[in-house]
C-alpha atoms as a PDB file:
ATOM      1  CA  UNK A   1     144.083  10.665  65.658  1.00  0.00           C
ATOM      2  CA  UNK A   2     142.044  10.045  68.800  1.00  0.00           C
ATOM      3  CA  UNK A   3     138.316  10.462  68.500  1.00  0.00           C
ATOM      4  CA  UNK A   4     137.200  13.689  70.114  1.00  0.00           C
ATOM      5  CA  UNK A   5     135.065  13.795  73.244  1.00  0.00           C
ATOM      6  CA  UNK A   6     132.220  16.175  74.097  1.00  0.00           C
ATOM      7  CA  UNK A   7     131.885  17.797  77.503  1.00  0.00           C
ATOM      8  CA  UNK A   8     128.465  19.455  77.801  1.00  0.00           C
ATOM      9  CA  UNK A   9     128.647  22.729  79.738  1.00  0.00           C
ATOM     10  CA  UNK A  10     125.949  22.511  82.403  1.00  0.00           C
ATOM     11  CA  UNK A  11     126.379  26.205  83.185  1.00  0.00           C
ATOM     12  CA  UNK A  12     124.602  26.863  79.882  1.00  0.00           C
ATOM     13  CA  UNK A  13     121.536  24.745  80.556  1.00  0.00           C
ATOM     14  CA  UNK A  14     118.212  26.303  81.460  1.00  0.00           C
ATOM     15  CA  UNK A  15     116.899  24.781  84.657  1.00  0.00           C
ATOM     16  CA  UNK A  16     113.445  24.099  83.176  1.00  0.00           C
ATOM     17  CA  UNK A  17     114.974  21.872  80.467  1.00  0.00           C
ATOM     18  CA  UNK A  18     117.563  20.035  82.499  1.00  0.00           C
ATOM     19  CA  UNK A  19     115.747  16.661  82.422  1.00  0.00           C
ATOM     20  CA  UNK A  20     115.376  16.956  78.666  1.00  0.00           C
ATOM     21  CA  UNK A  21     119.070  17.696  78.207  1.00  0.00           C
ATOM     22  CA  UNK A  22     120.192  14.899  80.529  1.00  0.00           C
ATOM     23  CA  UNK A  23     117.994  12.400  78.693  1.00  0.00           C
ATOM     24  CA  UNK A  24     119.328  13.498  75.318  1.00  0.00           C
ATOM     25  CA  UNK A  25     122.928  13.426  76.537  1.00  0.00           C
ATOM     26  CA  UNK A  26     122.536   9.927  77.939  1.00  0.00           C
ATOM     27  CA  UNK A  27     120.988   8.620  74.721  1.00  0.00           C
ATOM     28  CA  UNK A  28     123.792  10.210  72.691  1.00  0.00           C
ATOM     29  CA  UNK A  29     126.484   8.785  74.998  1.00  0.00           C
ATOM     30  CA  UNK A  30     127.963  12.200  75.721  1.00  0.00           C
ATOM     31  CA  UNK A  31     131.320  11.605  77.390  1.00  0.00           C
ATOM     32  CA  UNK A  32     131.145  14.269  80.126  1.00  0.00           C
ATOM     33  CA  UNK A  33     129.002  16.814  81.897  1.00  0.00           C
ATOM     34  CA  UNK A  34     131.173  19.912  82.294  1.00  0.00           C
ATOM     35  CA  UNK A  35     130.795  21.372  85.780  1.00  0.00           C
ATOM     36  CA  UNK A  36     132.076  24.944  86.095  1.00  0.00           C
ATOM     37  CA  UNK A  37     132.603  25.903  89.725  1.00  0.00           C
ATOM     38  CA  UNK A  38     133.159  29.648  90.249  1.00  0.00           C
ATOM     39  CA  UNK A  39     133.570  31.408  93.579  1.00  0.00           C
ATOM     40  CA  UNK A  40     133.179  35.078  92.622  1.00  0.00           C
ATOM     41  CA  UNK A  41     136.829  35.656  93.514  1.00  0.00           C
ATOM     42  CA  UNK A  42     138.969  33.901  90.924  1.00  0.00           C
ATOM     43  CA  UNK A  43     136.493  35.090  88.290  1.00  0.00           C
ATOM     44  CA  UNK A  44     133.732  37.703  88.691  1.00  0.00           C
ATOM     45  CA  UNK A  45     130.889  35.206  88.656  1.00  0.00           C
ATOM     46  CA  UNK A  46     129.260  32.526  90.785  1.00  0.00           C
ATOM     47  CA  UNK A  47     128.356  29.186  89.250  1.00  0.00           C
ATOM     48  CA  UNK A  48     127.195  25.666  90.048  1.00  0.00           C
ATOM     49  CA  UNK A  49     127.145  25.343  93.797  1.00  0.00           C
ATOM     50  CA  UNK A  50     127.378  22.213  95.857  1.00  0.00           C
ATOM     51  CA  UNK A  51     123.644  21.460  96.159  1.00  0.00           C
ATOM     52  CA  UNK A  52     123.082  21.747  92.411  1.00  0.00           C
ATOM     53  CA  UNK A  53     126.041  19.504  91.627  1.00  0.00           C
ATOM     54  CA  UNK A  54     125.013  16.907  94.197  1.00  0.00           C
ATOM     55  CA  UNK A  55     121.503  16.852  92.707  1.00  0.00           C
ATOM     56  CA  UNK A  56     122.949  16.503  89.230  1.00  0.00           C
ATOM     57  CA  UNK A  57     125.036  13.573  90.430  1.00  0.00           C
ATOM     58  CA  UNK A  58     121.864  11.820  91.613  1.00  0.00           C
ATOM     59  CA  UNK A  59     120.145  12.469  88.267  1.00  0.00           C
ATOM     60  CA  UNK A  60     122.846  11.336  85.883  1.00  0.00           C
ATOM     61  CA  UNK A  61     125.434   8.577  85.588  1.00  0.00           C
ATOM     62  CA  UNK A  62     127.442  10.513  82.988  1.00  0.00           C
ATOM     63  CA  UNK A  63     130.973  11.221  84.303  1.00  0.00           C
ATOM     64  CA  UNK A  64     131.629  14.766  85.491  1.00  0.00           C
ATOM     65  CA  UNK A  65     134.270  17.028  84.016  1.00  0.00           C
ATOM     66  CA  UNK A  66     134.880  19.514  86.825  1.00  0.00           C
ATOM     67  CA  UNK A  67     136.473  22.886  86.139  1.00  0.00           C
ATOM     68  CA  UNK A  68     137.353  24.729  89.339  1.00  0.00           C
ATOM     69  CA  UNK A  69     137.704  28.451  88.609  1.00  0.00           C
ATOM     70  CA  UNK A  70     138.304  29.279  92.252  1.00  0.00           C
ATOM     71  CA  UNK A  71     140.842  30.505  94.724  1.00  0.00           C
ATOM     72  CA  UNK A  72     142.032  27.757  97.072  1.00  0.00           C
ATOM     73  CA  UNK A  73     140.859  24.813  94.944  1.00  0.00           C
ATOM     74  CA  UNK A  74     142.362  22.327  97.411  1.00  0.00           C
ATOM     75  CA  UNK A  75     139.774  23.332  99.993  1.00  0.00           C
ATOM     76  CA  UNK A  76     136.832  23.814  97.620  1.00  0.00           C
ATOM     77  CA  UNK A  77     137.240  20.559  95.705  1.00  0.00           C
ATOM     78  CA  UNK A  78     136.469  18.767  98.968  1.00  0.00           C
ATOM     79  CA  UNK A  79     132.968  20.259  99.005  1.00  0.00           C
ATOM     80  CA  UNK A  80     131.931  18.436  95.826  1.00  0.00           C
ATOM     81  CA  UNK A  81     131.056  14.791  95.044  1.00  0.00           C
ATOM     82  CA  UNK A  82     134.137  13.927  92.994  1.00  0.00           C
ATOM     83  CA  UNK A  83     134.332  10.200  92.326  1.00  0.00           C
ATOM     84  CA  UNK A  84     136.692   7.804  90.612  1.00  0.00           C
ATOM     85  CA  UNK A  85     136.999   8.393  86.853  1.00  0.00           C
ATOM     86  CA  UNK A  86     135.614  11.918  87.017  1.00  0.00           C
ATOM     87  CA  UNK A  87     137.838  14.420  85.275  1.00  0.00           C
ATOM     88  CA  UNK A  88     138.943  17.408  87.352  1.00  0.00           C
ATOM     89  CA  UNK A  89     140.696  20.593  86.226  1.00  0.00           C
ATOM     90  CA  UNK A  90     141.900  23.248  88.623  1.00  0.00           C
ATOM     91  CA  UNK A  91     143.761  26.396  87.659  1.00  0.00           C
ATOM     92  CA  UNK A  92     147.482  27.002  87.761  1.00  0.00           C
ATOM     93  CA  UNK A  93     146.962  30.700  88.453  1.00  0.00           C
ATOM     94  CA  UNK A  94     146.630  31.904  92.065  1.00  0.00           C
ATOM     95  CA  UNK A  95     147.361  28.407  93.338  1.00  0.00           C
ATOM     96  CA  UNK A  96     150.126  27.664  95.828  1.00  0.00           C
ATOM     97  CA  UNK A  97     149.003  24.062  96.362  1.00  0.00           C
ATOM     98  CA  UNK A  98     149.267  22.426  92.945  1.00  0.00           C
ATOM     99  CA  UNK A  99     151.079  19.305  94.170  1.00  0.00           C
ATOM    100  CA  UNK A 100     148.614  18.924  97.034  1.00  0.00           C
ATOM    101  CA  UNK A 101     145.677  19.237  94.607  1.00  0.00           C
ATOM    102  CA  UNK A 102     147.175  16.513  92.431  1.00  0.00           C
ATOM    103  CA  UNK A 103     147.736  14.256  95.427  1.00  0.00           C
ATOM    104  CA  UNK A 104     144.141  14.769  96.570  1.00  0.00           C
ATOM    105  CA  UNK A 105     142.771  13.769  93.160  1.00  0.00           C
ATOM    106  CA  UNK A 106     145.176  10.822  93.030  1.00  0.00           C
ATOM    107  CA  UNK A 107     143.684   9.478  96.238  1.00  0.00           C
ATOM    108  CA  UNK A 108     140.183   9.659  94.737  1.00  0.00           C
ATOM    109  CA  UNK A 109     141.204   8.107  91.437  1.00  0.00           C
ATOM    110  CA  UNK A 110     140.044  11.079  89.370  1.00  0.00           C
ATOM    111  CA  UNK A 111     141.730  12.180  86.160  1.00  0.00           C
ATOM    112  CA  UNK A 112     143.955  15.175  86.836  1.00  0.00           C
ATOM    113  CA  UNK A 113     143.928  18.243  84.610  1.00  0.00           C
ATOM    114  CA  UNK A 114     145.480  21.661  85.133  1.00  0.00           C
ATOM    115  CA  UNK A 115     143.722  24.624  83.507  1.00  0.00           C
ATOM    116  CA  UNK A 116     145.467  27.710  82.177  1.00  0.00           C
ATOM    117  CA  UNK A 117     144.096  31.114  81.230  1.00  0.00           C
ATOM    118  CA  UNK A 118     144.673  32.619  77.767  1.00  0.00           C
ATOM    119  CA  UNK A 119     147.654  34.743  78.805  1.00  0.00           C
ATOM    120  CA  UNK A 120     149.395  32.042  80.862  1.00  0.00           C
ATOM    121  CA  UNK A 121     152.524  30.520  79.312  1.00  0.00           C
ATOM    122  CA  UNK A 122     151.958  26.763  79.051  1.00  0.00           C
ATOM    123  CA  UNK A 123     155.584  26.056  79.965  1.00  0.00           C
ATOM    124  CA  UNK A 124     154.669  26.918  83.548  1.00  0.00           C
ATOM    125  CA  UNK A 125     153.272  23.378  83.656  1.00  0.00           C
ATOM    126  CA  UNK A 126     156.632  21.708  82.994  1.00  0.00           C
ATOM    127  CA  UNK A 127     157.113  20.622  86.642  1.00  0.00           C
ATOM    128  CA  UNK A 128     153.762  18.787  86.596  1.00  0.00           C
ATOM    129  CA  UNK A 129     153.713  17.051  83.216  1.00  0.00           C
ATOM    130  CA  UNK A 130     154.677  13.685  84.718  1.00  0.00           C
ATOM    131  CA  UNK A 131     151.732  13.865  87.111  1.00  0.00           C
ATOM    132  CA  UNK A 132     148.781  15.027  85.009  1.00  0.00           C
ATOM    133  CA  UNK A 133     146.396  13.401  82.543  1.00  0.00           C
ATOM    134  CA  UNK A 134     145.501  16.558  80.670  1.00  0.00           C
ATOM    135  CA  UNK A 135     145.610  20.313  80.224  1.00  0.00           C
ATOM    136  CA  UNK A 136     142.526  22.495  79.892  1.00  0.00           C
ATOM    137  CA  UNK A 137     143.235  25.533  77.728  1.00  0.00           C
ATOM    138  CA  UNK A 138     140.922  28.513  78.091  1.00  0.00           C
ATOM    139  CA  UNK A 139     140.181  30.009  74.683  1.00  0.00           C
ATOM    140  CA  UNK A 140     138.349  33.000  76.192  1.00  0.00           C
ATOM    141  CA  UNK A 141     138.761  35.106  79.290  1.00  0.00           C
ATOM    142  CA  UNK A 142     137.016  32.941  81.893  1.00  0.00           C
ATOM    143  CA  UNK A 143     133.954  33.784  83.952  1.00  0.00           C
ATOM    144  CA  UNK A 144     130.989  34.029  81.598  1.00  0.00           C
ATOM    145  CA  UNK A 145     129.503  32.031  78.737  1.00  0.00           C
ATOM    146  CA  UNK A 146     129.393  33.519  75.253  1.00  0.00           C
ATOM    147  CA  UNK A 147     132.669  35.431  75.299  1.00  0.00           C
ATOM    148  CA  UNK A 148     134.721  36.005  72.149  1.00  0.00           C
ATOM    149  CA  UNK A 149     137.782  33.842  71.570  1.00  0.00           C
ATOM    150  CA  UNK A 150     141.023  35.675  72.344  1.00  0.00           C
ATOM    151  CA  UNK A 151     143.562  36.432  69.648  1.00  0.00           C
ATOM    152  CA  UNK A 152     146.123  33.696  68.957  1.00  0.00           C
ATOM    153  CA  UNK A 153     144.122  31.072  70.863  1.00  0.00           C
ATOM    154  CA  UNK A 154     144.467  28.540  68.045  1.00  0.00           C
ATOM    155  CA  UNK A 155     148.203  29.143  67.801  1.00  0.00           C
ATOM    156  CA  UNK A 156     148.613  28.627  71.531  1.00  0.00           C
ATOM    157  CA  UNK A 157     146.901  25.237  71.362  1.00  0.00           C
ATOM    158  CA  UNK A 158     148.965  24.250  68.344  1.00  0.00           C
ATOM    159  CA  UNK A 159     152.204  25.373  70.006  1.00  0.00           C
ATOM    160  CA  UNK A 160     151.319  23.477  73.174  1.00  0.00           C
ATOM    161  CA  UNK A 161     150.578  20.258  71.302  1.00  0.00           C
ATOM    162  CA  UNK A 162     153.775  20.530  69.260  1.00  0.00           C
ATOM    163  CA  UNK A 163     155.741  21.202  72.431  1.00  0.00           C
ATOM    164  CA  UNK A 164     154.296  18.139  74.171  1.00  0.00           C
ATOM    165  CA  UNK A 165     155.154  15.989  71.152  1.00  0.00           C
ATOM    166  CA  UNK A 166     158.718  17.322  71.139  1.00  0.00           C
ATOM    167  CA  UNK A 167     159.290  16.263  74.759  1.00  0.00           C
ATOM    168  CA  UNK A 168     157.549  12.895  74.497  1.00  0.00           C
ATOM    169  CA  UNK A 169     154.366  13.897  76.297  1.00  0.00           C
ATOM    170  CA  UNK A 170     151.837  13.506  73.498  1.00  0.00           C
ATOM    171  CA  UNK A 171     149.780  11.198  75.747  1.00  0.00           C
ATOM    172  CA  UNK A 172     148.577  14.257  77.697  1.00  0.00           C
ATOM    173  CA  UNK A 173     145.019  15.100  76.684  1.00  0.00           C
ATOM    174  CA  UNK A 174     144.139  18.607  75.535  1.00  0.00           C
ATOM    175  CA  UNK A 175     140.774  20.071  76.482  1.00  0.00           C
ATOM    176  CA  UNK A 176     139.590  23.373  74.980  1.00  0.00           C
ATOM    177  CA  UNK A 177     137.007  25.626  76.595  1.00  0.00           C
ATOM    178  CA  UNK A 178     135.383  28.805  75.307  1.00  0.00           C
ATOM    179  CA  UNK A 179     133.634  29.728  72.048  1.00  0.00           C
ATOM    180  CA  UNK A 180     133.768  26.133  70.824  1.00  0.00           C
ATOM    181  CA  UNK A 181     131.544  26.404  67.773  1.00  0.00           C
ATOM    182  CA  UNK A 182     131.291  23.398  65.493  1.00  0.00           C
ATOM    183  CA  UNK A 183     133.634  25.156  63.064  1.00  0.00           C
ATOM    184  CA  UNK A 184     136.161  25.960  65.793  1.00  0.00           C
ATOM    185  CA  UNK A 185     135.918  22.409  67.148  1.00  0.00           C
ATOM    186  CA  UNK A 186     136.810  21.031  63.707  1.00  0.00           C
ATOM    187  CA  UNK A 187     139.867  23.314  63.463  1.00  0.00           C
ATOM    188  CA  UNK A 188     141.022  22.488  66.978  1.00  0.00           C
ATOM    189  CA  UNK A 189     140.565  18.762  66.401  1.00  0.00           C
ATOM    190  CA  UNK A 190     142.797  18.946  63.336  1.00  0.00           C
ATOM    191  CA  UNK A 191     145.429  20.700  65.465  1.00  0.00           C
ATOM    192  CA  UNK A 192     145.246  17.888  68.020  1.00  0.00           C
ATOM    193  CA  UNK A 193     142.795  18.862  70.776  1.00  0.00           C
ATOM    194  CA  UNK A 194     140.579  15.978  71.838  1.00  0.00           C
ATOM    195  CA  UNK A 195     138.096  17.178  74.496  1.00  0.00           C
ATOM    196  CA  UNK A 196     135.662  19.957  73.615  1.00  0.00           C
ATOM    197  CA  UNK A 197     133.623  21.923  76.144  1.00  0.00           C
ATOM    198  CA  UNK A 198     130.375  22.582  74.322  1.00  0.00           C
ATOM    199  CA  UNK A 199     128.120  25.341  75.569  1.00  0.00           C
ATOM    200  CA  UNK A 200     126.353  28.424  74.268  1.00  0.00           C
ATOM    201  CA  UNK A 201     128.290  28.358  70.978  1.00  0.00           C
ATOM    202  CA  UNK A 202     127.155  24.862  70.001  1.00  0.00           C
ATOM    203  CA  UNK A 203     124.988  22.560  72.142  1.00  0.00           C
ATOM    204  CA  UNK A 204     122.964  25.401  73.654  1.00  0.00           C
ATOM    205  CA  UNK A 205     123.072  27.867  70.769  1.00  0.00           C
ATOM    206  CA  UNK A 206     119.261  27.991  70.425  1.00  0.00           C
ATOM    207  CA  UNK A 207     119.344  27.219  66.717  1.00  0.00           C
ATOM    208  CA  UNK A 208     116.533  25.464  64.887  1.00  0.00           C
ATOM    209  CA  UNK A 209     118.079  22.050  65.348  1.00  0.00           C
ATOM    210  CA  UNK A 210     117.519  19.261  67.809  1.00  0.00           C
ATOM    211  CA  UNK A 211     120.172  18.479  70.399  1.00  0.00           C
ATOM    212  CA  UNK A 212     120.749  15.184  68.608  1.00  0.00           C
ATOM    213  CA  UNK A 213     121.431  16.965  65.313  1.00  0.00           C
ATOM    214  CA  UNK A 214     123.902  19.316  66.971  1.00  0.00           C
ATOM    215  CA  UNK A 215     125.656  16.432  68.725  1.00  0.00           C
ATOM    216  CA  UNK A 216     125.997  14.592  65.409  1.00  0.00           C
ATOM    217  CA  UNK A 217     127.486  17.692  63.769  1.00  0.00           C
ATOM    218  CA  UNK A 218     129.949  18.015  66.645  1.00  0.00           C
ATOM    219  CA  UNK A 219     130.821  14.307  66.422  1.00  0.00           C
ATOM    220  CA  UNK A 220     131.530  14.721  62.711  1.00  0.00           C
ATOM    221  CA  UNK A 221     133.704  17.781  63.381  1.00  0.00           C
ATOM    222  CA  UNK A 222     135.839  16.021  65.995  1.00  0.00           C
ATOM    223  CA  UNK A 223     136.414  12.770  64.176  1.00  0.00           C
ATOM    224  CA  UNK A 224     134.043  10.614  66.160  1.00  0.00           C
ATOM    225  CA  UNK A 225     131.974   9.383  63.218  1.00  0.00           C
ATOM    226  CA  UNK A 226     134.915   8.547  60.951  1.00  0.00           C
END
């Protein structure tokens, strides 16, 4: 099995501790900084605007893992400093320009992911499987941190991974986002997920542990230390 990767959800950081977190993440070789972009239309929340993300880019060399929870992602992706080898997910839902989004990211050299909401049938992605690097599966209703995982979320991920194997597409990476506790990460890793968005349920859970301790527990759960 592939070693799992951690994507630290920057929406869950407190602004007064951001330098501390970035230092810890760099020392721990965290794979990604997860950048949730929300426009208040696709989901009922606003998050991580252009100035914040540009500042973050100047502060850290860790690759970005963008998640565009927006209407018209083709237009809004162009506002952000996406660079080669960043990972970028945009949603299937409410998107009439999926091919154009993929072409745009191709031209940059970014890794291309399509995100799907909990109630979206993953077979809607069949026309795009030859063109994407990964699928981001929402395990909660999107919009806010700390939401409860929806029923049958594990089964959906398992069914998706089995489906991809059955059609010869097991190279497609599976990212999971929402209520990713260390326990849930371990279960999802065993199913076959390999990128874990870590936010208020793990990295930023305010438990009496250092960030380094939590990262090590996550690494153990997702096969990184084996």
